[in-house]
Structure formats: structure tokens, C-alpha cells
């Protein structure tokens, strides 16, 4: 088996049932671009699948894995949704979000799906009865702060939302800039 690019080897894409390898050079090119943008290594959890192996594991009958144009991937330090958002900027044809991995492929058409069993709860906004135009904001069942409705738009202090999402917040008084980043 041979090295396909600077960071990917043929064995990573081999069918887990037969050991056969089929992989699109465009898929490798896009995965290298994704790796560079994320600044993190990518683990291939599923690459090429023979028709027999694909059927055995319950794969889609017309799966891109059968053509060697797809990979299921994990990136340490990133959720499948975060990986999908960056993959979107690269030009992958198919992008699917699952509980523990992201599917990417280089089909000629755009396809998107989310098959997570537990999807994030949307942020709920509930009016506070005592104060006009004031609302409490609830994220995944936990109150994270109070906001105000102005012209139909809910405003919430950015620090309250960022901290509820476990993000670091910094204020630069000189430039009057709020920076939000992963902790």
C-alpha cells in the first residue's frame, strides 16, 4: 500500500471487509484542504466499501463509499457539526452529520443531511411578565440570562450567550472589540 498524499495513506481508505482500496484523488485533495483549515489531523473511520461489505453493514445501496469518493471522518477537538461547517467552505458534494463522525464526499451534486440521534435544542425565548419587552433566554433547559426585544429582535448580552456555550470572551477597550473564542 502506498502514500496518497502528505497526510493520507492508502490503508486508511481500505474496505474493512475485504481490504480492497479505491479512492478518488479529488477526495484526497479536499481532505488535505480540510486538514489544513482545521489545523488538525483527520481520522478516516470508513473509506472504500465493497458492495458486499456495504450491504453487510447496512450502507445505502448507492453509497458514495462504493465508488471510493467518500470518507467518514473524525477530527479530535471538533464536533461533527463543526467539521461539517468547515467542509462546507471547501466544496464537498455530500456532507452528513452523525453523532460521532462527519461524512464527506465528492459527488457531483450537493447533498446535506443530519442523522444525529440527539440534535441540539434551539434557544428558547420566554417573556418576563413583570417587565415590558424583557425576556429570559433558555439554552438546553438552563436559563442563561435576560434579554430585551426591540422591533421584534431579541437582544442578549454576548457574554451571557458565549459563556453558556463554554466560549471565552474578551473585551478590548482600545478597539472597542469583543472577541469570542474556544477555551
C-alpha atoms as a PDB file:
ATOM      1  CA  UNK A   1       0.000   0.000   0.000  1.00  0.00           C
ATOM      2  CA  UNK A   2       1.197   3.490  -0.790  1.00  0.00           C
ATOM      3  CA  UNK A   3       1.178   7.037   0.500  1.00  0.00           C
ATOM      4  CA  UNK A   4      -1.595   9.009  -1.277  1.00  0.00           C
ATOM      5  CA  UNK A   5      -0.605  12.483  -0.089  1.00  0.00           C
ATOM      6  CA  UNK A   6       1.402  14.179   2.632  1.00  0.00           C
ATOM      7  CA  UNK A   7      -1.084  13.111   5.312  1.00  0.00           C
ATOM      8  CA  UNK A   8      -3.109  10.193   3.945  1.00  0.00           C
ATOM      9  CA  UNK A   9      -2.151   6.582   3.272  1.00  0.00           C
ATOM     10  CA  UNK A  10      -3.987   4.029   1.139  1.00  0.00           C
ATOM     11  CA  UNK A  11      -4.553   1.703   4.113  1.00  0.00           C
ATOM     12  CA  UNK A  12      -6.753   4.352   5.811  1.00  0.00           C
ATOM     13  CA  UNK A  13      -9.276   4.028   2.960  1.00  0.00           C
ATOM     14  CA  UNK A  14      -9.204   0.217   2.647  1.00  0.00           C
ATOM     15  CA  UNK A  15     -12.513  -1.660   2.900  1.00  0.00           C
ATOM     16  CA  UNK A  16     -12.839  -3.094   6.407  1.00  0.00           C
ATOM     17  CA  UNK A  17     -14.441  -6.243   4.949  1.00  0.00           C
ATOM     18  CA  UNK A  18     -12.151  -7.073   2.027  1.00  0.00           C
ATOM     19  CA  UNK A  19      -9.075  -4.876   2.318  1.00  0.00           C
ATOM     20  CA  UNK A  20      -9.670  -3.570  -1.225  1.00  0.00           C
ATOM     21  CA  UNK A  21      -8.835   0.074  -1.874  1.00  0.00           C
ATOM     22  CA  UNK A  22     -10.487   2.554  -4.199  1.00  0.00           C
ATOM     23  CA  UNK A  23     -10.095   6.280  -3.501  1.00  0.00           C
ATOM     24  CA  UNK A  24     -10.704   9.380  -5.571  1.00  0.00           C
ATOM     25  CA  UNK A  25      -7.747  11.769  -5.927  1.00  0.00           C
ATOM     26  CA  UNK A  26     -10.235  14.669  -5.568  1.00  0.00           C
ATOM     27  CA  UNK A  27     -11.374  13.273  -2.205  1.00  0.00           C
ATOM     28  CA  UNK A  28      -7.754  13.233  -1.018  1.00  0.00           C
ATOM     29  CA  UNK A  29      -7.237  16.803  -2.250  1.00  0.00           C
ATOM     30  CA  UNK A  30     -10.341  18.045  -0.393  1.00  0.00           C
ATOM     31  CA  UNK A  31      -9.389  16.145   2.786  1.00  0.00           C
ATOM     32  CA  UNK A  32      -5.929  17.735   2.715  1.00  0.00           C
ATOM     33  CA  UNK A  33      -7.577  21.171   2.385  1.00  0.00           C
ATOM     34  CA  UNK A  34      -9.926  20.368   5.285  1.00  0.00           C
ATOM     35  CA  UNK A  35      -6.994  19.212   7.421  1.00  0.00           C
ATOM     36  CA  UNK A  36      -5.119  22.452   6.699  1.00  0.00           C
ATOM     37  CA  UNK A  37      -8.131  24.631   7.558  1.00  0.00           C
ATOM     38  CA  UNK A  38      -8.797  22.768  10.812  1.00  0.00           C
ATOM     39  CA  UNK A  39      -5.094  22.599  11.689  1.00  0.00           C
ATOM     40  CA  UNK A  40      -5.728  19.073  12.990  1.00  0.00           C
ATOM     41  CA  UNK A  41      -5.238  15.514  11.819  1.00  0.00           C
ATOM     42  CA  UNK A  42      -8.192  13.614  10.374  1.00  0.00           C
ATOM     43  CA  UNK A  43      -9.063  10.033  11.263  1.00  0.00           C
ATOM     44  CA  UNK A  44     -10.783   8.056   8.495  1.00  0.00           C
ATOM     45  CA  UNK A  45     -13.338   5.755  10.137  1.00  0.00           C
ATOM     46  CA  UNK A  46     -14.723   4.451   6.834  1.00  0.00           C
ATOM     47  CA  UNK A  47     -13.391   4.849   3.306  1.00  0.00           C
ATOM     48  CA  UNK A  48     -13.989   2.500   0.387  1.00  0.00           C
ATOM     49  CA  UNK A  49     -16.607  -0.232   0.854  1.00  0.00           C
ATOM     50  CA  UNK A  50     -17.028  -3.268  -1.369  1.00  0.00           C
ATOM     51  CA  UNK A  51     -20.669  -3.933  -2.359  1.00  0.00           C
ATOM     52  CA  UNK A  52     -20.726  -6.992  -0.075  1.00  0.00           C
ATOM     53  CA  UNK A  53     -19.335  -5.134   2.936  1.00  0.00           C
ATOM     54  CA  UNK A  54     -21.588  -2.118   2.334  1.00  0.00           C
ATOM     55  CA  UNK A  55     -24.641  -4.412   2.315  1.00  0.00           C
ATOM     56  CA  UNK A  56     -23.419  -6.251   5.431  1.00  0.00           C
ATOM     57  CA  UNK A  57     -23.177  -3.039   7.476  1.00  0.00           C
ATOM     58  CA  UNK A  58     -26.469  -1.608   6.161  1.00  0.00           C
ATOM     59  CA  UNK A  59     -24.909   1.117   3.986  1.00  0.00           C
ATOM     60  CA  UNK A  60     -27.006   2.986   1.429  1.00  0.00           C
ATOM     61  CA  UNK A  61     -27.378   0.933  -1.777  1.00  0.00           C
ATOM     62  CA  UNK A  62     -25.933   3.785  -3.880  1.00  0.00           C
ATOM     63  CA  UNK A  63     -23.399   4.928  -1.286  1.00  0.00           C
ATOM     64  CA  UNK A  64     -20.509   7.100  -2.437  1.00  0.00           C
ATOM     65  CA  UNK A  65     -18.297   4.750  -0.378  1.00  0.00           C
ATOM     66  CA  UNK A  66     -18.847   2.143  -3.134  1.00  0.00           C
ATOM     67  CA  UNK A  67     -17.173   4.482  -5.620  1.00  0.00           C
ATOM     68  CA  UNK A  68     -14.231   5.478  -3.420  1.00  0.00           C
ATOM     69  CA  UNK A  69     -15.480   9.068  -3.370  1.00  0.00           C
ATOM     70  CA  UNK A  70     -16.492   9.237   0.312  1.00  0.00           C
ATOM     71  CA  UNK A  71     -14.995   9.100   3.776  1.00  0.00           C
ATOM     72  CA  UNK A  72     -16.454   9.120   7.268  1.00  0.00           C
ATOM     73  CA  UNK A  73     -14.112  11.176   9.416  1.00  0.00           C
ATOM     74  CA  UNK A  74     -13.389  12.331  12.950  1.00  0.00           C
ATOM     75  CA  UNK A  75     -11.243  15.284  13.962  1.00  0.00           C
ATOM     76  CA  UNK A  76     -10.036  15.487  17.552  1.00  0.00           C
ATOM     77  CA  UNK A  77     -11.146  18.728  19.198  1.00  0.00           C
ATOM     78  CA  UNK A  78     -14.045  19.280  16.770  1.00  0.00           C
ATOM     79  CA  UNK A  79     -17.670  18.139  16.827  1.00  0.00           C
ATOM     80  CA  UNK A  80     -19.105  16.550  13.688  1.00  0.00           C
ATOM     81  CA  UNK A  81     -21.153  19.744  13.174  1.00  0.00           C
ATOM     82  CA  UNK A  82     -18.043  21.947  13.388  1.00  0.00           C
ATOM     83  CA  UNK A  83     -16.243  19.727  10.862  1.00  0.00           C
ATOM     84  CA  UNK A  84     -19.272  19.914   8.545  1.00  0.00           C
ATOM     85  CA  UNK A  85     -19.297  23.726   8.684  1.00  0.00           C
ATOM     86  CA  UNK A  86     -15.660  23.910   7.583  1.00  0.00           C
ATOM     87  CA  UNK A  87     -16.188  21.163   4.971  1.00  0.00           C
ATOM     88  CA  UNK A  88     -18.965  23.336   3.522  1.00  0.00           C
ATOM     89  CA  UNK A  89     -16.392  26.011   2.653  1.00  0.00           C
ATOM     90  CA  UNK A  90     -14.250  23.571   0.654  1.00  0.00           C
ATOM     91  CA  UNK A  91     -16.756  22.280  -1.878  1.00  0.00           C
ATOM     92  CA  UNK A  92     -17.536  18.715  -0.803  1.00  0.00           C
ATOM     93  CA  UNK A  93     -20.618  17.436  -2.664  1.00  0.00           C
ATOM     94  CA  UNK A  94     -22.095  15.402   0.171  1.00  0.00           C
ATOM     95  CA  UNK A  95     -21.832  16.330   3.844  1.00  0.00           C
ATOM     96  CA  UNK A  96     -23.605  14.339   6.541  1.00  0.00           C
ATOM     97  CA  UNK A  97     -23.559  14.896  10.293  1.00  0.00           C
ATOM     98  CA  UNK A  98     -23.769  11.894  12.630  1.00  0.00           C
ATOM     99  CA  UNK A  99     -23.356  11.543  16.409  1.00  0.00           C
ATOM    100  CA  UNK A 100     -19.656  10.617  16.315  1.00  0.00           C
ATOM    101  CA  UNK A 101     -18.425  11.414  12.804  1.00  0.00           C
ATOM    102  CA  UNK A 102     -18.894  13.532   9.685  1.00  0.00           C
ATOM    103  CA  UNK A 103     -19.456  12.026   6.232  1.00  0.00           C
ATOM    104  CA  UNK A 104     -17.840  13.892   3.322  1.00  0.00           C
ATOM    105  CA  UNK A 105     -17.832  13.004  -0.359  1.00  0.00           C
ATOM    106  CA  UNK A 106     -17.007  14.468  -3.748  1.00  0.00           C
ATOM    107  CA  UNK A 107     -20.168  13.559  -5.685  1.00  0.00           C
ATOM    108  CA  UNK A 108     -21.035  15.988  -8.460  1.00  0.00           C
ATOM    109  CA  UNK A 109     -24.143  17.350  -6.722  1.00  0.00           C
ATOM    110  CA  UNK A 110     -24.859  18.967  -3.358  1.00  0.00           C
ATOM    111  CA  UNK A 111     -26.386  16.737  -0.657  1.00  0.00           C
ATOM    112  CA  UNK A 112     -26.727  17.578   3.056  1.00  0.00           C
ATOM    113  CA  UNK A 113     -28.159  15.545   5.933  1.00  0.00           C
ATOM    114  CA  UNK A 114     -28.153  15.391   9.713  1.00  0.00           C
ATOM    115  CA  UNK A 115     -28.672  11.944  11.215  1.00  0.00           C
ATOM    116  CA  UNK A 116     -27.673  12.711  14.794  1.00  0.00           C
ATOM    117  CA  UNK A 117     -29.858  10.936  17.324  1.00  0.00           C
ATOM    118  CA  UNK A 118     -29.630  13.907  19.716  1.00  0.00           C
ATOM    119  CA  UNK A 119     -29.843  17.243  17.972  1.00  0.00           C
ATOM    120  CA  UNK A 120     -29.057  20.449  19.861  1.00  0.00           C
ATOM    121  CA  UNK A 121     -32.080  22.163  21.361  1.00  0.00           C
ATOM    122  CA  UNK A 122     -32.876  25.564  19.906  1.00  0.00           C
ATOM    123  CA  UNK A 123     -32.515  28.577  22.176  1.00  0.00           C
ATOM    124  CA  UNK A 124     -35.895  29.376  23.754  1.00  0.00           C
ATOM    125  CA  UNK A 125     -37.034  32.907  24.452  1.00  0.00           C
ATOM    126  CA  UNK A 126     -39.737  33.358  27.097  1.00  0.00           C
ATOM    127  CA  UNK A 127     -41.312  36.733  28.033  1.00  0.00           C
ATOM    128  CA  UNK A 128     -40.837  38.015  31.582  1.00  0.00           C
ATOM    129  CA  UNK A 129     -44.267  39.148  32.756  1.00  0.00           C
ATOM    130  CA  UNK A 130     -43.217  41.970  35.065  1.00  0.00           C
ATOM    131  CA  UNK A 131     -41.047  43.948  32.639  1.00  0.00           C
ATOM    132  CA  UNK A 132     -42.265  45.025  29.194  1.00  0.00           C
ATOM    133  CA  UNK A 133     -40.079  43.786  26.303  1.00  0.00           C
ATOM    134  CA  UNK A 134     -37.832  41.768  28.641  1.00  0.00           C
ATOM    135  CA  UNK A 135     -37.307  38.038  28.075  1.00  0.00           C
ATOM    136  CA  UNK A 136     -35.402  35.260  29.766  1.00  0.00           C
ATOM    137  CA  UNK A 137     -33.248  33.170  27.443  1.00  0.00           C
ATOM    138  CA  UNK A 138     -33.067  29.395  27.997  1.00  0.00           C
ATOM    139  CA  UNK A 139     -30.420  27.177  26.382  1.00  0.00           C
ATOM    140  CA  UNK A 140     -30.879  23.402  26.667  1.00  0.00           C
ATOM    141  CA  UNK A 141     -33.229  23.836  29.640  1.00  0.00           C
ATOM    142  CA  UNK A 142     -30.953  26.222  31.574  1.00  0.00           C
ATOM    143  CA  UNK A 143     -31.664  29.940  31.930  1.00  0.00           C
ATOM    144  CA  UNK A 144     -28.622  31.818  30.668  1.00  0.00           C
ATOM    145  CA  UNK A 145     -29.697  35.428  31.045  1.00  0.00           C
ATOM    146  CA  UNK A 146     -32.188  38.171  30.353  1.00  0.00           C
ATOM    147  CA  UNK A 147     -32.623  39.903  27.042  1.00  0.00           C
ATOM    148  CA  UNK A 148     -34.763  42.609  25.560  1.00  0.00           C
ATOM    149  CA  UNK A 149     -36.991  42.599  22.484  1.00  0.00           C
ATOM    150  CA  UNK A 150     -36.575  45.640  20.247  1.00  0.00           C
ATOM    151  CA  UNK A 151     -38.547  45.804  16.990  1.00  0.00           C
ATOM    152  CA  UNK A 152     -39.149  42.045  17.071  1.00  0.00           C
ATOM    153  CA  UNK A 153     -35.464  41.111  17.575  1.00  0.00           C
ATOM    154  CA  UNK A 154     -34.234  39.587  20.838  1.00  0.00           C
ATOM    155  CA  UNK A 155     -31.014  41.091  22.201  1.00  0.00           C
ATOM    156  CA  UNK A 156     -28.938  39.318  24.839  1.00  0.00           C
ATOM    157  CA  UNK A 157     -25.567  40.321  26.268  1.00  0.00           C
ATOM    158  CA  UNK A 158     -22.994  38.471  24.163  1.00  0.00           C
ATOM    159  CA  UNK A 159     -21.057  37.415  27.274  1.00  0.00           C
ATOM    160  CA  UNK A 160     -24.094  35.523  28.647  1.00  0.00           C
ATOM    161  CA  UNK A 161     -24.544  33.523  25.468  1.00  0.00           C
ATOM    162  CA  UNK A 162     -20.821  32.883  24.892  1.00  0.00           C
ATOM    163  CA  UNK A 163     -20.229  31.708  28.466  1.00  0.00           C
ATOM    164  CA  UNK A 164     -23.297  29.435  28.278  1.00  0.00           C
ATOM    165  CA  UNK A 165     -21.710  27.866  25.190  1.00  0.00           C
ATOM    166  CA  UNK A 166     -18.416  27.459  27.101  1.00  0.00           C
ATOM    167  CA  UNK A 167     -16.585  30.049  24.999  1.00  0.00           C
ATOM    168  CA  UNK A 168     -14.027  32.586  26.207  1.00  0.00           C
ATOM    169  CA  UNK A 169     -14.988  36.261  25.927  1.00  0.00           C
ATOM    170  CA  UNK A 170     -12.554  39.170  25.923  1.00  0.00           C
ATOM    171  CA  UNK A 171     -13.162  42.929  25.668  1.00  0.00           C
ATOM    172  CA  UNK A 172     -10.608  45.267  24.121  1.00  0.00           C
ATOM    173  CA  UNK A 173     -11.457  48.775  25.345  1.00  0.00           C
ATOM    174  CA  UNK A 174      -8.962  50.406  22.995  1.00  0.00           C
ATOM    175  CA  UNK A 175     -10.503  48.983  19.820  1.00  0.00           C
ATOM    176  CA  UNK A 176     -13.973  48.511  21.371  1.00  0.00           C
ATOM    177  CA  UNK A 177     -13.957  44.898  20.198  1.00  0.00           C
ATOM    178  CA  UNK A 178     -15.463  41.788  21.777  1.00  0.00           C
ATOM    179  CA  UNK A 179     -13.557  38.597  20.936  1.00  0.00           C
ATOM    180  CA  UNK A 180     -15.145  35.170  21.336  1.00  0.00           C
ATOM    181  CA  UNK A 181     -13.063  32.002  21.045  1.00  0.00           C
ATOM    182  CA  UNK A 182     -12.915  28.375  22.136  1.00  0.00           C
ATOM    183  CA  UNK A 183     -11.475  27.963  25.625  1.00  0.00           C
END
